[in-house]
Amino acid sequence: MEEVKQKNKPLVDLLLDGADELVKKAKKPFIRKKLKRAFESAVDSAEEKKVDAEIKIQDLRKELVKDPEKAEKLLNDIIEQKTIIERADKTIGIVNNEKEAWFE
């Protein structure tokens, strides 16, 4: 009977039911180390995207000075890169908050 109830539960409920078990397992050193690495990797990836976008912005600005006729396209490209930076900043904040929640 319990198995039938489990099959009919929404996926979110099943995940939340398993969250308590995951938190218990996360207290084990190996799991903690793996989770920390995953959080650090996510932050590193977002920071790489930021740096790449900042470099691209510098290149676009140089190109804008050289060829003002392409101003509209180049400005749109700069805006796109700034959006990437903003998303990366948000991602870093979210990952750091999540990391704190797991390891407080």
N, C-alpha and C. Protein backbone atom coordinates (compact mmCIF):
# COMPACT_ATOMS: atom_id res chain seq x y z
N MET A 1 0.82 -1.19 0.00
CA MET A 1 0.00 0.00 0.00
C MET A 1 0.87 1.26 0.00
N GLU A 2 1.93 1.25 0.83
CA GLU A 2 2.84 2.39 0.89
C GLU A 2 3.52 2.62 -0.46
N GLU A 3 3.84 1.53 -1.15
CA GLU A 3 4.49 1.63 -2.45
C GLU A 3 3.59 2.31 -3.47
N VAL A 4 2.30 2.05 -3.42
CA VAL A 4 1.34 2.67 -4.32
C VAL A 4 1.27 4.16 -4.05
N LYS A 5 1.28 4.55 -2.77
CA LYS A 5 1.26 5.97 -2.42
C LYS A 5 2.51 6.67 -2.96
N GLN A 6 3.66 6.00 -2.87
CA GLN A 6 4.91 6.57 -3.35
C GLN A 6 4.85 6.82 -4.86
N LYS A 7 4.27 5.88 -5.61
CA LYS A 7 4.21 6.02 -7.06
C LYS A 7 3.30 7.17 -7.48
N ASN A 8 2.28 7.47 -6.69
CA ASN A 8 1.33 8.50 -7.04
C ASN A 8 1.75 9.89 -6.56
N LYS A 9 2.82 9.96 -5.76
CA LYS A 9 3.28 11.24 -5.25
C LYS A 9 3.95 12.05 -6.37
N PRO A 10 3.76 13.36 -6.35
CA PRO A 10 4.48 14.19 -7.31
C PRO A 10 5.98 14.10 -7.08
N LEU A 11 6.73 14.34 -8.13
CA LEU A 11 8.19 14.23 -8.06
C LEU A 11 8.78 15.16 -7.00
N VAL A 12 8.22 16.35 -6.89
CA VAL A 12 8.74 17.31 -5.91
C VAL A 12 8.61 16.74 -4.50
N ASP A 13 7.47 16.12 -4.20
CA ASP A 13 7.29 15.53 -2.87
C ASP A 13 8.28 14.41 -2.62
N LEU A 14 8.53 13.59 -3.63
CA LEU A 14 9.51 12.51 -3.48
C LEU A 14 10.91 13.07 -3.22
N LEU A 15 11.25 14.15 -3.93
CA LEU A 15 12.55 14.77 -3.72
C LEU A 15 12.66 15.36 -2.33
N LEU A 16 11.59 16.02 -1.88
CA LEU A 16 11.62 16.61 -0.55
C LEU A 16 11.69 15.54 0.53
N ASP A 17 11.00 14.43 0.32
CA ASP A 17 11.07 13.33 1.28
C ASP A 17 12.50 12.80 1.38
N GLY A 18 13.19 12.78 0.26
CA GLY A 18 14.56 12.28 0.24
C GLY A 18 15.58 13.31 0.71
N ALA A 19 15.16 14.57 0.84
CA ALA A 19 16.09 15.63 1.24
C ALA A 19 16.62 15.40 2.65
N ASP A 20 15.75 14.94 3.55
CA ASP A 20 16.21 14.69 4.92
C ASP A 20 17.29 13.62 4.94
N GLU A 21 17.09 12.59 4.16
CA GLU A 21 18.09 11.52 4.08
C GLU A 21 19.39 12.04 3.47
N LEU A 22 19.26 12.89 2.48
CA LEU A 22 20.44 13.46 1.84
C LEU A 22 21.21 14.34 2.82
N VAL A 23 20.51 15.12 3.62
CA VAL A 23 21.18 15.97 4.61
C VAL A 23 21.92 15.11 5.62
N LYS A 24 21.32 14.00 6.03
CA LYS A 24 22.00 13.09 6.97
C LYS A 24 23.27 12.54 6.34
N LYS A 25 23.17 12.12 5.08
CA LYS A 25 24.34 11.56 4.41
C LYS A 25 25.38 12.64 4.15
N ALA A 26 24.94 13.88 3.98
CA ALA A 26 25.86 14.97 3.67
C ALA A 26 26.78 15.27 4.84
N LYS A 27 26.46 14.80 6.00
CA LYS A 27 27.30 15.02 7.17
C LYS A 27 28.53 14.11 7.14
N LYS A 28 28.52 13.11 6.27
CA LYS A 28 29.68 12.23 6.15
C LYS A 28 30.79 12.99 5.42
N PRO A 29 32.05 12.83 5.85
CA PRO A 29 33.15 13.61 5.29
C PRO A 29 33.30 13.51 3.77
N PHE A 30 33.18 12.31 3.22
CA PHE A 30 33.35 12.13 1.78
C PHE A 30 32.29 12.91 1.00
N ILE A 31 31.05 12.80 1.44
CA ILE A 31 29.95 13.49 0.77
C ILE A 31 30.12 15.00 0.91
N ARG A 32 30.51 15.44 2.11
CA ARG A 32 30.71 16.88 2.33
C ARG A 32 31.78 17.42 1.38
N LYS A 33 32.87 16.68 1.25
CA LYS A 33 33.96 17.11 0.38
C LYS A 33 33.50 17.20 -1.07
N LYS A 34 32.73 16.21 -1.50
CA LYS A 34 32.22 16.20 -2.88
C LYS A 34 31.27 17.37 -3.13
N LEU A 35 30.39 17.64 -2.17
CA LEU A 35 29.45 18.76 -2.32
C LEU A 35 30.20 20.09 -2.35
N LYS A 36 31.19 20.24 -1.49
CA LYS A 36 31.95 21.49 -1.48
C LYS A 36 32.65 21.70 -2.82
N ARG A 37 33.21 20.63 -3.36
CA ARG A 37 33.86 20.74 -4.67
C ARG A 37 32.86 21.14 -5.74
N ALA A 38 31.66 20.58 -5.67
CA ALA A 38 30.63 20.91 -6.67
C ALA A 38 30.25 22.39 -6.58
N PHE A 39 30.08 22.90 -5.35
CA PHE A 39 29.76 24.31 -5.18
C PHE A 39 30.91 25.19 -5.68
N GLU A 40 32.14 24.83 -5.34
CA GLU A 40 33.31 25.59 -5.79
C GLU A 40 33.42 25.58 -7.31
N SER A 41 33.14 24.44 -7.91
CA SER A 41 33.19 24.32 -9.36
C SER A 41 32.16 25.23 -10.02
N ALA A 42 30.97 25.29 -9.44
CA ALA A 42 29.92 26.15 -10.00
C ALA A 42 30.33 27.62 -9.92
N VAL A 43 30.94 28.02 -8.81
CA VAL A 43 31.39 29.40 -8.66
C VAL A 43 32.52 29.69 -9.66
N ASP A 44 33.47 28.76 -9.77
CA ASP A 44 34.57 28.93 -10.72
C ASP A 44 34.06 29.11 -12.15
N SER A 45 33.09 28.30 -12.52
CA SER A 45 32.52 28.38 -13.86
C SER A 45 31.88 29.74 -14.11
N ALA A 46 31.13 30.22 -13.13
CA ALA A 46 30.47 31.52 -13.27
C ALA A 46 31.52 32.64 -13.34
N GLU A 47 32.57 32.53 -12.55
CA GLU A 47 33.62 33.55 -12.58
C GLU A 47 34.36 33.56 -13.92
N GLU A 48 34.55 32.38 -14.49
CA GLU A 48 35.17 32.29 -15.81
C GLU A 48 34.31 32.99 -16.86
N LYS A 49 33.01 32.76 -16.78
CA LYS A 49 32.10 33.42 -17.73
C LYS A 49 32.19 34.94 -17.59
N LYS A 50 32.30 35.41 -16.35
CA LYS A 50 32.41 36.85 -16.12
C LYS A 50 33.68 37.41 -16.76
N VAL A 51 34.80 36.75 -16.51
CA VAL A 51 36.07 37.21 -17.05
C VAL A 51 36.03 37.21 -18.57
N ASP A 52 35.51 36.14 -19.15
CA ASP A 52 35.41 36.07 -20.61
C ASP A 52 34.56 37.21 -21.17
N ALA A 53 33.46 37.49 -20.49
CA ALA A 53 32.57 38.57 -20.95
C ALA A 53 33.25 39.93 -20.81
N GLU A 54 34.00 40.14 -19.72
CA GLU A 54 34.70 41.41 -19.54
C GLU A 54 35.76 41.62 -20.62
N ILE A 55 36.47 40.55 -20.96
CA ILE A 55 37.46 40.63 -22.04
C ILE A 55 36.78 40.96 -23.36
N LYS A 56 35.66 40.31 -23.61
CA LYS A 56 34.90 40.54 -24.85
C LYS A 56 34.42 42.00 -24.93
N ILE A 57 33.99 42.55 -23.78
CA ILE A 57 33.54 43.95 -23.75
C ILE A 57 34.69 44.88 -24.14
N GLN A 58 35.87 44.62 -23.59
CA GLN A 58 37.03 45.46 -23.94
C GLN A 58 37.32 45.40 -25.45
N ASP A 59 37.26 44.19 -26.00
CA ASP A 59 37.49 44.03 -27.44
C ASP A 59 36.42 44.76 -28.26
N LEU A 60 35.18 44.67 -27.81
CA LEU A 60 34.09 45.34 -28.53
C LEU A 60 34.25 46.85 -28.48
N ARG A 61 34.69 47.37 -27.33
CA ARG A 61 34.90 48.82 -27.21
C ARG A 61 36.02 49.29 -28.15
N LYS A 62 37.08 48.50 -28.24
CA LYS A 62 38.17 48.85 -29.16
C LYS A 62 37.66 48.86 -30.59
N GLU A 63 36.85 47.87 -30.93
CA GLU A 63 36.30 47.78 -32.28
C GLU A 63 35.35 48.95 -32.55
N LEU A 64 34.63 49.36 -31.53
CA LEU A 64 33.71 50.50 -31.67
C LEU A 64 34.48 51.78 -32.01
N VAL A 65 35.63 51.97 -31.39
CA VAL A 65 36.45 53.15 -31.68
C VAL A 65 36.99 53.08 -33.11
N LYS A 66 37.38 51.89 -33.54
CA LYS A 66 37.94 51.71 -34.89
C LYS A 66 36.88 51.86 -35.98
N ASP A 67 35.68 51.36 -35.70
CA ASP A 67 34.65 51.33 -36.74
C ASP A 67 33.30 51.78 -36.18
N PRO A 68 33.10 53.10 -36.04
CA PRO A 68 31.85 53.62 -35.47
C PRO A 68 30.60 53.29 -36.29
N GLU A 69 30.78 52.90 -37.54
CA GLU A 69 29.62 52.57 -38.37
C GLU A 69 28.90 51.32 -37.87
N LYS A 70 29.61 50.49 -37.16
CA LYS A 70 29.01 49.27 -36.60
C LYS A 70 28.49 49.50 -35.17
N ALA A 71 28.30 50.74 -34.81
CA ALA A 71 27.96 51.10 -33.42
C ALA A 71 26.75 50.34 -32.88
N GLU A 72 25.69 50.28 -33.66
CA GLU A 72 24.46 49.65 -33.16
C GLU A 72 24.70 48.18 -32.80
N LYS A 73 25.32 47.44 -33.70
CA LYS A 73 25.59 46.03 -33.45
C LYS A 73 26.55 45.84 -32.28
N LEU A 74 27.60 46.64 -32.27
CA LEU A 74 28.60 46.52 -31.20
C LEU A 74 28.02 46.87 -29.83
N LEU A 75 27.18 47.89 -29.79
CA LEU A 75 26.54 48.24 -28.51
C LEU A 75 25.61 47.13 -28.04
N ASN A 76 24.89 46.53 -28.97
CA ASN A 76 24.04 45.40 -28.60
C ASN A 76 24.88 44.23 -28.07
N ASP A 77 26.04 44.01 -28.68
CA ASP A 77 26.93 42.94 -28.21
C ASP A 77 27.47 43.25 -26.82
N ILE A 78 27.78 44.52 -26.57
CA ILE A 78 28.25 44.92 -25.23
C ILE A 78 27.16 44.69 -24.20
N ILE A 79 25.94 45.06 -24.54
CA ILE A 79 24.81 44.85 -23.63
C ILE A 79 24.63 43.36 -23.33
N GLU A 80 24.76 42.55 -24.36
CA GLU A 80 24.65 41.10 -24.18
C GLU A 80 25.72 40.57 -23.22
N GLN A 81 26.93 41.06 -23.36
CA GLN A 81 28.03 40.63 -22.48
C GLN A 81 27.80 41.11 -21.04
N LYS A 82 27.27 42.32 -20.90
CA LYS A 82 26.95 42.81 -19.55
C LYS A 82 25.86 41.97 -18.90
N THR A 83 24.92 41.50 -19.70
CA THR A 83 23.87 40.62 -19.19
C THR A 83 24.48 39.30 -18.70
N ILE A 84 25.45 38.80 -19.43
CA ILE A 84 26.14 37.57 -19.02
C ILE A 84 26.84 37.79 -17.68
N ILE A 85 27.45 38.95 -17.50
CA ILE A 85 28.12 39.27 -16.24
C ILE A 85 27.11 39.31 -15.10
N GLU A 86 25.97 39.96 -15.33
CA GLU A 86 24.94 40.05 -14.29
C GLU A 86 24.43 38.66 -13.91
N ARG A 87 24.20 37.81 -14.91
CA ARG A 87 23.74 36.44 -14.63
C ARG A 87 24.78 35.66 -13.84
N ALA A 88 26.04 35.85 -14.20
CA ALA A 88 27.12 35.16 -13.49
C ALA A 88 27.17 35.62 -12.03
N ASP A 89 27.01 36.92 -11.80
CA ASP A 89 26.99 37.44 -10.42
C ASP A 89 25.84 36.84 -9.62
N LYS A 90 24.67 36.75 -10.24
CA LYS A 90 23.51 36.16 -9.57
C LYS A 90 23.76 34.68 -9.26
N THR A 91 24.34 34.00 -10.22
CA THR A 91 24.66 32.58 -10.03
C THR A 91 25.60 32.39 -8.86
N ILE A 92 26.63 33.21 -8.79
CA ILE A 92 27.60 33.11 -7.70
C ILE A 92 26.90 33.33 -6.36
N GLY A 93 26.03 34.32 -6.29
CA GLY A 93 25.28 34.59 -5.06
C GLY A 93 24.39 33.42 -4.66
N ILE A 94 23.70 32.86 -5.62
CA ILE A 94 22.81 31.73 -5.35
C ILE A 94 23.60 30.53 -4.87
N VAL A 95 24.70 30.24 -5.55
CA VAL A 95 25.53 29.08 -5.17
C VAL A 95 26.09 29.28 -3.77
N ASN A 96 26.57 30.49 -3.47
CA ASN A 96 27.12 30.74 -2.13
C ASN A 96 26.04 30.62 -1.05
N ASN A 97 24.84 31.10 -1.34
CA ASN A 97 23.72 30.96 -0.37
C ASN A 97 23.39 29.48 -0.15
N GLU A 98 23.35 28.74 -1.23
CA GLU A 98 23.03 27.32 -1.13
C GLU A 98 24.13 26.57 -0.35
N LYS A 99 25.36 26.95 -0.61
CA LYS A 99 26.49 26.33 0.10
C LYS A 99 26.38 26.61 1.60
N GLU A 100 26.05 27.85 1.94
CA GLU A 100 25.88 28.19 3.36
C GLU A 100 24.75 27.40 3.99
N ALA A 101 23.67 27.21 3.24
CA ALA A 101 22.53 26.45 3.77
C ALA A 101 22.93 25.00 4.05
N TRP A 102 23.78 24.43 3.20
CA TRP A 102 24.19 23.04 3.39
C TRP A 102 25.21 22.87 4.51
N PHE A 103 26.06 23.87 4.70
CA PHE A 103 27.18 23.69 5.62
C PHE A 103 27.18 24.64 6.80
N GLU A 104 26.03 25.10 7.22
CA GLU A 104 25.97 25.99 8.37
C GLU A 104 26.12 25.24 9.66
